Amino acid sequence: MTAANPPWTLLAVDDEPNILAALRRVFRATGWRILTAGHAQAALALLATEPVNAVLSDMRMPDMNGV
């Protein structure tokens, strides 16, 4: 990637650490920057401080759903 064409950033949100690890492995080959959050509040905090191009979220999580 060049400075004019930075990698996309994906935020993966899931309350299961094994799922987050698997998503990180799957998307590693894409060259994307991968951020992970173990719950919705952590994801919202990341979104407040990091530019994100796409979010991949679990739908069923404690306290807040993936929508």
Protein backbone atom coordinates (compact mmCIF):
# COMPACT_ATOMS: atom_id res chain seq x y z
CA MET A 1 0.00 0.00 0.00
CA THR A 2 1.15 3.52 -0.69
CA ALA A 3 0.47 6.66 1.30
CA ALA A 4 -2.01 7.68 -1.41
CA ASN A 5 -3.83 4.35 -1.08
CA PRO A 6 -3.88 3.34 2.62
CA PRO A 7 -5.36 -0.02 3.63
CA TRP A 8 -9.00 -0.22 4.57
CA THR A 9 -9.84 -0.67 8.24
CA LEU A 10 -12.23 -3.39 9.38
CA LEU A 11 -13.70 -3.47 12.88
CA ALA A 12 -14.74 -6.98 13.96
CA VAL A 13 -17.03 -7.15 17.01
CA ASP A 14 -17.80 -10.42 18.78
CA ASP A 15 -18.04 -11.54 22.40
CA GLU A 16 -16.20 -14.79 21.59
CA PRO A 17 -12.39 -14.37 21.45
CA ASN A 18 -11.97 -17.44 19.22
CA ILE A 19 -14.23 -15.88 16.57
CA LEU A 20 -12.24 -12.64 16.66
CA ALA A 21 -8.99 -14.60 16.28
CA ALA A 22 -10.42 -16.51 13.30
CA LEU A 23 -11.62 -13.30 11.62
CA ARG A 24 -8.20 -11.73 12.12
CA ARG A 25 -6.58 -14.75 10.41
CA VAL A 26 -9.07 -14.72 7.53
CA PHE A 27 -8.67 -11.02 6.79
CA ARG A 28 -4.89 -10.87 7.35
CA ALA A 29 -4.22 -11.74 3.69
CA THR A 30 -6.35 -8.82 2.47
CA GLY A 31 -3.86 -6.23 3.69
CA TRP A 32 -6.64 -4.52 5.63
CA ARG A 33 -6.01 -3.08 9.06
CA ILE A 34 -8.06 -5.20 11.48
CA LEU A 35 -9.42 -3.84 14.75
CA THR A 36 -11.30 -6.07 17.19
CA ALA A 37 -13.67 -5.46 20.07
CA GLY A 38 -15.05 -8.02 22.51
CA HIS A 39 -18.28 -6.14 23.22
CA ALA A 40 -20.40 -3.34 21.82
CA GLN A 41 -19.19 -0.64 24.22
CA ALA A 42 -15.55 -1.32 23.26
CA ALA A 43 -16.55 -1.11 19.58
CA LEU A 44 -18.25 2.24 20.11
CA ALA A 45 -15.15 3.55 21.90
CA LEU A 46 -12.96 2.45 18.97
CA LEU A 47 -15.32 4.08 16.47
CA ALA A 48 -15.00 7.35 18.37
CA THR A 49 -11.22 7.37 17.96
CA GLU A 50 -10.39 5.34 14.84
CA PRO A 51 -11.41 5.73 11.20
CA VAL A 52 -13.19 2.52 10.15
CA ASN A 53 -14.35 1.56 6.65
CA ALA A 54 -16.40 -1.53 7.54
CA VAL A 55 -17.84 -3.24 10.62
CA LEU A 56 -18.43 -6.98 10.91
CA SER A 57 -20.52 -7.61 14.00
CA ASP A 58 -22.00 -10.53 15.89
CA MET A 59 -25.75 -10.05 16.19
CA ARG A 60 -26.18 -11.61 19.65
CA MET A 61 -24.01 -10.08 22.33
CA PRO A 62 -24.62 -9.26 25.99
CA ASP A 63 -25.99 -5.76 26.72
CA MET A 64 -26.37 -4.69 23.07
CA ASN A 65 -27.07 -6.45 19.79
CA GLY A 66 -24.89 -6.16 16.71
CA VAL A 67 -27.18 -3.75 14.91
